[in-house]
Amino acid sequence: MKKILIATDGSDESRQAVDFGLELAEEQGARVVLVHVAPVVDVLPTSGFGMTGAVPHDLTDYDWSPLTEARALAEELGIDVRTEMLRGETVDEIVAYGDTIDADLIVVGSRGHGALASALLGSVSRGVLHEARRPVLVVRGTRATAPVGG
């Protein structure tokens, strides 16, 4: 394995995917590319009859924060990474970028939704698994549980 693409959105699940992907890259001596996908446009509700409008999305610090956090974690571990901000539909951009850089593995986090929620809402991990023509690793996070009797 020479190149690992790790997608992050800043969620707890994607942070766990970043952790796992970085550990795997370190073990394999692979290069790491961290990506985050931001929208091209923001959809805004307008008054009257459920109409909506769209305006171009300007990148903010909020958009960059998942990449900044993931890069900081990689630096703590002494792993050199490249970061890329992608724009568009999340699944399409992750899969296309994985193809562009000829990634040996795409790592994404799982939101951990149940089967019904996943079927109704869809998910990035499910979409990447379905669309990608290269290996995909979905890192399923551990759920925090409340202590018994407390």
N, C-alpha and C. Protein backbone atom coordinates (compact mmCIF):
# COMPACT_ATOMS: atom_id res chain seq x y z
N MET A 1 0.85 -1.17 0.00
CA MET A 1 0.00 0.00 0.00
C MET A 1 0.90 1.24 0.00
N LYS A 2 0.69 2.10 -1.01
CA LYS A 2 1.55 3.27 -1.15
C LYS A 2 0.85 4.59 -0.85
N LYS A 3 -0.48 4.65 -1.10
CA LYS A 3 -1.19 5.91 -0.92
C LYS A 3 -2.57 5.65 -0.34
N ILE A 4 -2.87 6.36 0.77
CA ILE A 4 -4.16 6.22 1.44
C ILE A 4 -4.87 7.56 1.44
N LEU A 5 -6.10 7.56 0.98
CA LEU A 5 -6.96 8.75 0.99
C LEU A 5 -7.87 8.63 2.20
N ILE A 6 -7.84 9.63 3.08
CA ILE A 6 -8.69 9.64 4.26
C ILE A 6 -9.63 10.83 4.17
N ALA A 7 -10.93 10.56 4.18
CA ALA A 7 -11.93 11.62 4.12
C ALA A 7 -12.36 11.99 5.54
N THR A 8 -12.49 13.29 5.79
CA THR A 8 -12.91 13.75 7.11
C THR A 8 -13.95 14.85 6.99
N ASP A 9 -14.90 14.84 7.92
CA ASP A 9 -15.88 15.92 7.99
C ASP A 9 -15.89 16.57 9.37
N GLY A 10 -14.96 16.14 10.23
CA GLY A 10 -14.87 16.72 11.57
C GLY A 10 -15.72 16.02 12.61
N SER A 11 -16.56 15.08 12.20
CA SER A 11 -17.41 14.35 13.16
C SER A 11 -16.55 13.40 13.98
N ASP A 12 -17.10 12.91 15.08
CA ASP A 12 -16.39 11.93 15.91
C ASP A 12 -16.04 10.69 15.10
N GLU A 13 -16.98 10.24 14.27
CA GLU A 13 -16.74 9.05 13.46
C GLU A 13 -15.60 9.27 12.47
N SER A 14 -15.55 10.44 11.86
CA SER A 14 -14.47 10.67 10.90
C SER A 14 -13.14 10.87 11.61
N ARG A 15 -13.16 11.39 12.83
CA ARG A 15 -11.91 11.49 13.60
C ARG A 15 -11.35 10.10 13.89
N GLN A 16 -12.25 9.16 14.19
CA GLN A 16 -11.80 7.78 14.41
C GLN A 16 -11.25 7.18 13.12
N ALA A 17 -11.85 7.53 11.99
CA ALA A 17 -11.34 7.06 10.70
C ALA A 17 -9.96 7.67 10.43
N VAL A 18 -9.78 8.93 10.76
CA VAL A 18 -8.48 9.58 10.58
C VAL A 18 -7.43 8.87 11.45
N ASP A 19 -7.77 8.63 12.72
CA ASP A 19 -6.85 7.92 13.62
C ASP A 19 -6.44 6.57 13.03
N PHE A 20 -7.44 5.80 12.62
CA PHE A 20 -7.16 4.47 12.10
C PHE A 20 -6.36 4.54 10.80
N GLY A 21 -6.76 5.44 9.91
CA GLY A 21 -6.06 5.58 8.63
C GLY A 21 -4.62 6.00 8.81
N LEU A 22 -4.35 6.89 9.77
CA LEU A 22 -2.98 7.32 10.03
C LEU A 22 -2.15 6.18 10.60
N GLU A 23 -2.73 5.41 11.51
CA GLU A 23 -2.02 4.24 12.06
C GLU A 23 -1.68 3.25 10.96
N LEU A 24 -2.65 3.00 10.08
CA LEU A 24 -2.44 2.06 8.98
C LEU A 24 -1.34 2.58 8.04
N ALA A 25 -1.37 3.87 7.74
CA ALA A 25 -0.36 4.46 6.86
C ALA A 25 1.03 4.34 7.47
N GLU A 26 1.09 4.56 8.79
CA GLU A 26 2.38 4.45 9.48
C GLU A 26 2.91 3.01 9.39
N GLU A 27 2.04 2.04 9.63
CA GLU A 27 2.43 0.63 9.56
C GLU A 27 2.89 0.23 8.15
N GLN A 28 2.20 0.77 7.15
CA GLN A 28 2.46 0.38 5.77
C GLN A 28 3.52 1.26 5.08
N GLY A 29 3.90 2.36 5.73
CA GLY A 29 4.82 3.29 5.10
C GLY A 29 4.17 4.00 3.91
N ALA A 30 2.86 4.21 3.99
CA ALA A 30 2.10 4.80 2.89
C ALA A 30 2.00 6.32 3.05
N ARG A 31 1.88 7.00 1.91
CA ARG A 31 1.61 8.44 1.93
C ARG A 31 0.13 8.65 2.20
N VAL A 32 -0.19 9.78 2.84
CA VAL A 32 -1.57 10.07 3.23
C VAL A 32 -2.03 11.37 2.58
N VAL A 33 -3.24 11.31 2.03
CA VAL A 33 -3.91 12.52 1.56
C VAL A 33 -5.21 12.63 2.33
N LEU A 34 -5.38 13.73 3.05
CA LEU A 34 -6.60 14.01 3.80
C LEU A 34 -7.48 14.91 2.95
N VAL A 35 -8.77 14.57 2.85
CA VAL A 35 -9.69 15.41 2.08
C VAL A 35 -10.92 15.75 2.90
N HIS A 36 -11.47 16.91 2.57
CA HIS A 36 -12.76 17.33 3.10
C HIS A 36 -13.52 17.91 1.92
N VAL A 37 -14.82 17.68 1.87
CA VAL A 37 -15.64 18.18 0.77
C VAL A 37 -16.57 19.28 1.28
N ALA A 38 -16.47 20.44 0.66
CA ALA A 38 -17.34 21.57 0.99
C ALA A 38 -18.33 21.77 -0.16
N PRO A 39 -19.48 22.32 0.14
CA PRO A 39 -20.47 22.54 -0.93
C PRO A 39 -20.02 23.65 -1.89
N VAL A 40 -20.53 23.58 -3.09
CA VAL A 40 -20.26 24.63 -4.08
C VAL A 40 -21.24 25.78 -3.86
N VAL A 41 -22.46 25.44 -3.49
CA VAL A 41 -23.49 26.45 -3.25
C VAL A 41 -24.17 26.17 -1.92
N ASP A 42 -24.75 27.23 -1.36
CA ASP A 42 -25.59 27.11 -0.18
C ASP A 42 -27.03 27.30 -0.63
N VAL A 43 -27.90 26.39 -0.22
CA VAL A 43 -29.31 26.48 -0.56
C VAL A 43 -30.01 27.26 0.53
N LEU A 44 -30.71 28.31 0.13
CA LEU A 44 -31.39 29.18 1.09
C LEU A 44 -32.89 29.15 0.84
N PRO A 45 -33.67 29.03 1.91
CA PRO A 45 -35.12 29.11 1.73
C PRO A 45 -35.52 30.55 1.41
N THR A 46 -36.49 30.68 0.55
CA THR A 46 -37.03 32.01 0.25
C THR A 46 -38.49 32.01 0.65
N SER A 47 -39.04 33.16 0.76
CA SER A 47 -40.43 33.23 1.21
C SER A 47 -41.38 32.78 0.10
N GLY A 48 -42.39 32.11 0.52
CA GLY A 48 -43.47 31.78 -0.40
C GLY A 48 -43.38 30.42 -1.06
N PHE A 49 -44.33 29.60 -0.81
CA PHE A 49 -44.57 28.34 -1.51
C PHE A 49 -43.39 27.37 -1.51
N GLY A 50 -42.57 27.39 -0.46
CA GLY A 50 -41.49 26.44 -0.33
C GLY A 50 -40.37 26.61 -1.35
N MET A 51 -40.28 27.75 -1.95
CA MET A 51 -39.24 28.00 -2.94
C MET A 51 -37.88 28.12 -2.25
N THR A 52 -36.84 27.76 -2.95
CA THR A 52 -35.49 27.89 -2.42
C THR A 52 -34.62 28.61 -3.45
N GLY A 53 -33.52 29.14 -2.95
CA GLY A 53 -32.55 29.79 -3.82
C GLY A 53 -31.18 29.27 -3.48
N ALA A 54 -30.22 29.55 -4.32
CA ALA A 54 -28.86 29.09 -4.07
C ALA A 54 -27.89 30.24 -4.29
N VAL A 55 -26.89 30.30 -3.40
CA VAL A 55 -25.83 31.29 -3.54
C VAL A 55 -24.50 30.55 -3.46
N PRO A 56 -23.48 31.07 -4.11
CA PRO A 56 -22.16 30.41 -4.03
C PRO A 56 -21.70 30.30 -2.58
N HIS A 57 -21.12 29.16 -2.25
CA HIS A 57 -20.60 28.94 -0.90
C HIS A 57 -19.18 29.46 -0.81
N ASP A 58 -18.96 30.39 0.10
CA ASP A 58 -17.61 30.90 0.35
C ASP A 58 -16.99 30.06 1.45
N LEU A 59 -15.77 29.57 1.20
CA LEU A 59 -15.08 28.76 2.20
C LEU A 59 -14.77 29.59 3.44
N THR A 60 -15.00 28.99 4.60
CA THR A 60 -14.76 29.65 5.88
C THR A 60 -13.80 28.81 6.71
N ASP A 61 -13.41 29.34 7.86
CA ASP A 61 -12.58 28.57 8.79
C ASP A 61 -13.30 27.28 9.21
N TYR A 62 -14.62 27.34 9.30
CA TYR A 62 -15.40 26.16 9.65
C TYR A 62 -15.18 25.05 8.61
N ASP A 63 -15.16 25.42 7.33
CA ASP A 63 -14.92 24.44 6.27
C ASP A 63 -13.53 23.82 6.38
N TRP A 64 -12.55 24.63 6.74
CA TRP A 64 -11.17 24.16 6.81
C TRP A 64 -10.86 23.40 8.10
N SER A 65 -11.69 23.55 9.14
CA SER A 65 -11.36 22.98 10.45
C SER A 65 -11.18 21.46 10.45
N PRO A 66 -11.96 20.65 9.71
CA PRO A 66 -11.69 19.21 9.73
C PRO A 66 -10.29 18.87 9.21
N LEU A 67 -9.84 19.57 8.18
CA LEU A 67 -8.51 19.33 7.64
C LEU A 67 -7.43 19.82 8.59
N THR A 68 -7.67 20.96 9.22
CA THR A 68 -6.71 21.51 10.18
C THR A 68 -6.52 20.55 11.35
N GLU A 69 -7.65 20.04 11.89
CA GLU A 69 -7.59 19.10 13.02
C GLU A 69 -6.88 17.81 12.63
N ALA A 70 -7.20 17.28 11.45
CA ALA A 70 -6.60 16.02 11.01
C ALA A 70 -5.10 16.19 10.76
N ARG A 71 -4.71 17.32 10.18
CA ARG A 71 -3.29 17.59 9.95
C ARG A 71 -2.54 17.69 11.28
N ALA A 72 -3.15 18.34 12.26
CA ALA A 72 -2.52 18.48 13.58
C ALA A 72 -2.30 17.10 14.21
N LEU A 73 -3.27 16.22 14.09
CA LEU A 73 -3.14 14.86 14.62
C LEU A 73 -1.99 14.13 13.91
N ALA A 74 -1.92 14.26 12.60
CA ALA A 74 -0.85 13.61 11.84
C ALA A 74 0.51 14.14 12.27
N GLU A 75 0.60 15.44 12.48
CA GLU A 75 1.87 16.04 12.90
C GLU A 75 2.28 15.54 14.28
N GLU A 76 1.30 15.37 15.19
CA GLU A 76 1.59 14.81 16.52
C GLU A 76 2.21 13.42 16.41
N LEU A 77 1.75 12.67 15.40
CA LEU A 77 2.25 11.31 15.20
C LEU A 77 3.51 11.27 14.33
N GLY A 78 3.90 12.45 13.84
CA GLY A 78 5.09 12.52 12.98
C GLY A 78 4.85 12.01 11.58
N ILE A 79 3.60 12.08 11.12
CA ILE A 79 3.25 11.60 9.78
C ILE A 79 3.04 12.81 8.87
N ASP A 80 3.75 12.81 7.75
CA ASP A 80 3.62 13.88 6.77
C ASP A 80 2.38 13.60 5.91
N VAL A 81 1.50 14.58 5.81
CA VAL A 81 0.27 14.41 5.03
C VAL A 81 0.10 15.58 4.07
N ARG A 82 -0.71 15.32 3.06
CA ARG A 82 -1.14 16.39 2.15
C ARG A 82 -2.63 16.57 2.39
N THR A 83 -3.12 17.80 2.34
CA THR A 83 -4.54 18.04 2.52
C THR A 83 -5.11 18.66 1.25
N GLU A 84 -6.37 18.31 0.97
CA GLU A 84 -7.07 18.85 -0.19
C GLU A 84 -8.51 19.19 0.19
N MET A 85 -8.91 20.41 -0.16
CA MET A 85 -10.30 20.82 -0.01
C MET A 85 -10.97 20.55 -1.35
N LEU A 86 -11.98 19.71 -1.33
CA LEU A 86 -12.74 19.40 -2.54
C LEU A 86 -14.06 20.14 -2.49
N ARG A 87 -14.66 20.40 -3.65
CA ARG A 87 -15.93 21.12 -3.71
C ARG A 87 -16.92 20.33 -4.54
N GLY A 88 -18.12 20.13 -4.02
CA GLY A 88 -19.17 19.45 -4.78
C GLY A 88 -19.93 18.47 -3.93
N GLU A 89 -20.45 17.43 -4.58
CA GLU A 89 -21.19 16.37 -3.90
C GLU A 89 -20.18 15.46 -3.21
N THR A 90 -20.37 15.22 -1.94
CA THR A 90 -19.37 14.54 -1.11
C THR A 90 -18.92 13.19 -1.68
N VAL A 91 -19.85 12.30 -1.93
CA VAL A 91 -19.50 10.96 -2.41
C VAL A 91 -18.77 11.04 -3.75
N ASP A 92 -19.33 11.79 -4.69
CA ASP A 92 -18.73 11.90 -6.02
C ASP A 92 -17.30 12.43 -5.95
N GLU A 93 -17.09 13.44 -5.12
CA GLU A 93 -15.77 14.07 -5.03
C GLU A 93 -14.74 13.15 -4.39
N ILE A 94 -15.14 12.44 -3.34
CA ILE A 94 -14.21 11.51 -2.68
C ILE A 94 -13.79 10.41 -3.64
N VAL A 95 -14.76 9.81 -4.31
CA VAL A 95 -14.48 8.71 -5.23
C VAL A 95 -13.63 9.19 -6.41
N ALA A 96 -14.00 10.32 -7.00
CA ALA A 96 -13.25 10.85 -8.15
C ALA A 96 -11.83 11.21 -7.76
N TYR A 97 -11.66 11.82 -6.58
CA TYR A 97 -10.31 12.20 -6.16
C TYR A 97 -9.47 10.96 -5.86
N GLY A 98 -10.07 9.94 -5.29
CA GLY A 98 -9.37 8.68 -5.07
C GLY A 98 -8.85 8.11 -6.38
N ASP A 99 -9.67 8.20 -7.43
CA ASP A 99 -9.25 7.74 -8.76
C ASP A 99 -8.14 8.64 -9.31
N THR A 100 -8.28 9.94 -9.13
CA THR A 100 -7.30 10.90 -9.66
C THR A 100 -5.91 10.66 -9.11
N ILE A 101 -5.84 10.38 -7.79
CA ILE A 101 -4.51 10.20 -7.18
C ILE A 101 -4.09 8.74 -7.16
N ASP A 102 -4.93 7.86 -7.71
CA ASP A 102 -4.67 6.43 -7.73
C ASP A 102 -4.43 5.89 -6.32
N ALA A 103 -5.37 6.22 -5.42
CA ALA A 103 -5.27 5.77 -4.03
C ALA A 103 -5.38 4.25 -3.96
N ASP A 104 -4.58 3.66 -3.10
CA ASP A 104 -4.66 2.22 -2.88
C ASP A 104 -5.80 1.87 -1.93
N LEU A 105 -6.24 2.87 -1.14
CA LEU A 105 -7.30 2.65 -0.17
C LEU A 105 -7.97 3.98 0.13
N ILE A 106 -9.30 3.96 0.25
CA ILE A 106 -10.07 5.12 0.70
C ILE A 106 -10.60 4.78 2.08
N VAL A 107 -10.36 5.65 3.06
CA VAL A 107 -10.82 5.44 4.43
C VAL A 107 -11.87 6.49 4.76
N VAL A 108 -13.04 6.03 5.20
CA VAL A 108 -14.12 6.92 5.62
C VAL A 108 -14.68 6.43 6.95
N GLY A 109 -15.31 7.33 7.68
CA GLY A 109 -15.98 6.95 8.92
C GLY A 109 -17.42 6.59 8.65
N SER A 110 -18.00 5.85 9.57
CA SER A 110 -19.41 5.48 9.49
C SER A 110 -20.17 6.28 10.54
N ARG A 111 -21.30 6.78 10.18
CA ARG A 111 -22.12 7.51 11.15
C ARG A 111 -22.80 6.57 12.12
N GLY A 112 -22.82 5.28 11.81
CA GLY A 112 -23.41 4.31 12.73
C GLY A 112 -24.91 4.34 12.77
N HIS A 113 -25.56 4.87 11.72
CA HIS A 113 -27.02 4.84 11.67
C HIS A 113 -27.50 3.41 11.51
N GLY A 114 -28.67 3.14 11.99
CA GLY A 114 -29.26 1.82 11.80
C GLY A 114 -29.65 1.61 10.35
N ALA A 115 -30.11 0.42 10.03
CA ALA A 115 -30.44 0.08 8.65
C ALA A 115 -31.54 0.97 8.09
N LEU A 116 -32.57 1.25 8.88
CA LEU A 116 -33.67 2.06 8.40
C LEU A 116 -33.22 3.49 8.13
N ALA A 117 -32.51 4.09 9.07
CA ALA A 117 -32.03 5.46 8.87
C ALA A 117 -31.10 5.53 7.68
N SER A 118 -30.24 4.56 7.53
CA SER A 118 -29.30 4.54 6.42
C SER A 118 -30.05 4.42 5.10
N ALA A 119 -31.08 3.59 5.07
CA ALA A 119 -31.85 3.41 3.84
C ALA A 119 -32.61 4.68 3.48
N LEU A 120 -33.13 5.38 4.49
CA LEU A 120 -33.90 6.58 4.23
C LEU A 120 -33.01 7.79 3.93
N LEU A 121 -31.94 7.94 4.68
CA LEU A 121 -31.12 9.13 4.57
C LEU A 121 -29.93 8.95 3.63
N GLY A 122 -29.50 7.73 3.46
CA GLY A 122 -28.26 7.50 2.73
C GLY A 122 -27.10 7.91 3.60
N SER A 123 -25.89 7.63 3.18
CA SER A 123 -24.74 8.05 3.95
C SER A 123 -23.54 8.12 3.03
N VAL A 124 -22.57 8.90 3.45
CA VAL A 124 -21.35 9.04 2.66
C VAL A 124 -20.64 7.70 2.57
N SER A 125 -20.52 7.01 3.70
CA SER A 125 -19.80 5.73 3.66
C SER A 125 -20.48 4.74 2.73
N ARG A 126 -21.79 4.65 2.78
CA ARG A 126 -22.53 3.75 1.90
C ARG A 126 -22.34 4.16 0.44
N GLY A 127 -22.39 5.45 0.16
CA GLY A 127 -22.22 5.95 -1.20
C GLY A 127 -20.83 5.66 -1.74
N VAL A 128 -19.81 5.89 -0.91
CA VAL A 128 -18.44 5.63 -1.35
C VAL A 128 -18.25 4.14 -1.61
N LEU A 129 -18.77 3.29 -0.72
CA LEU A 129 -18.69 1.84 -0.93
C LEU A 129 -19.33 1.43 -2.25
N HIS A 130 -20.46 2.04 -2.56
CA HIS A 130 -21.20 1.69 -3.76
C HIS A 130 -20.52 2.20 -5.04
N GLU A 131 -19.97 3.40 -4.99
CA GLU A 131 -19.43 4.05 -6.19
C GLU A 131 -17.96 3.74 -6.49
N ALA A 132 -17.17 3.50 -5.46
CA ALA A 132 -15.72 3.37 -5.64
C ALA A 132 -15.36 2.09 -6.38
N ARG A 133 -14.33 2.18 -7.19
CA ARG A 133 -13.80 1.03 -7.92
C ARG A 133 -12.47 0.58 -7.32
N ARG A 134 -12.20 1.05 -6.13
CA ARG A 134 -10.97 0.70 -5.42
C ARG A 134 -11.34 0.34 -3.99
N PRO A 135 -10.42 -0.26 -3.23
CA PRO A 135 -10.76 -0.68 -1.87
C PRO A 135 -11.19 0.50 -0.98
N VAL A 136 -12.21 0.25 -0.18
CA VAL A 136 -12.73 1.23 0.77
C VAL A 136 -12.77 0.59 2.15
N LEU A 137 -12.29 1.32 3.13
CA LEU A 137 -12.35 0.88 4.52
C LEU A 137 -13.28 1.82 5.27
N VAL A 138 -14.37 1.28 5.81
CA VAL A 138 -15.29 2.07 6.61
C VAL A 138 -14.97 1.78 8.07
N VAL A 139 -14.56 2.82 8.78
CA VAL A 139 -14.22 2.68 10.20
C VAL A 139 -15.47 2.98 11.01
N ARG A 140 -15.92 1.96 11.68
CA ARG A 140 -17.12 2.11 12.50
C ARG A 140 -16.70 2.55 13.89
N GLY A 141 -17.22 3.66 14.34
CA GLY A 141 -16.87 4.19 15.65
C GLY A 141 -17.45 3.37 16.77
N THR A 142 -16.86 3.54 17.94
CA THR A 142 -17.39 2.88 19.13
C THR A 142 -18.38 3.83 19.77
N ARG A 143 -19.50 3.30 20.16
CA ARG A 143 -20.53 4.13 20.79
C ARG A 143 -20.26 4.26 22.27
N ALA A 144 -20.34 5.49 22.75
CA ALA A 144 -20.22 5.70 24.19
C ALA A 144 -21.53 5.26 24.84
N THR A 145 -21.43 4.57 25.93
CA THR A 145 -22.64 4.14 26.63
C THR A 145 -22.63 4.71 28.05
N ALA A 146 -23.80 4.92 28.56
CA ALA A 146 -23.92 5.45 29.91
C ALA A 146 -23.56 4.35 30.90
N PRO A 147 -22.90 4.71 32.01
CA PRO A 147 -22.57 3.69 33.00
C PRO A 147 -23.84 3.08 33.59
N VAL A 148 -23.76 1.80 33.89
CA VAL A 148 -24.89 1.08 34.46
C VAL A 148 -25.11 1.60 35.88
N GLY A 149 -26.38 1.85 36.20
CA GLY A 149 -26.72 2.29 37.55
C GLY A 149 -26.41 3.75 37.80
N GLY A 150 -26.16 4.55 36.74
CA GLY A 150 -25.81 5.94 37.01
C GLY A 150 -26.46 6.88 36.18
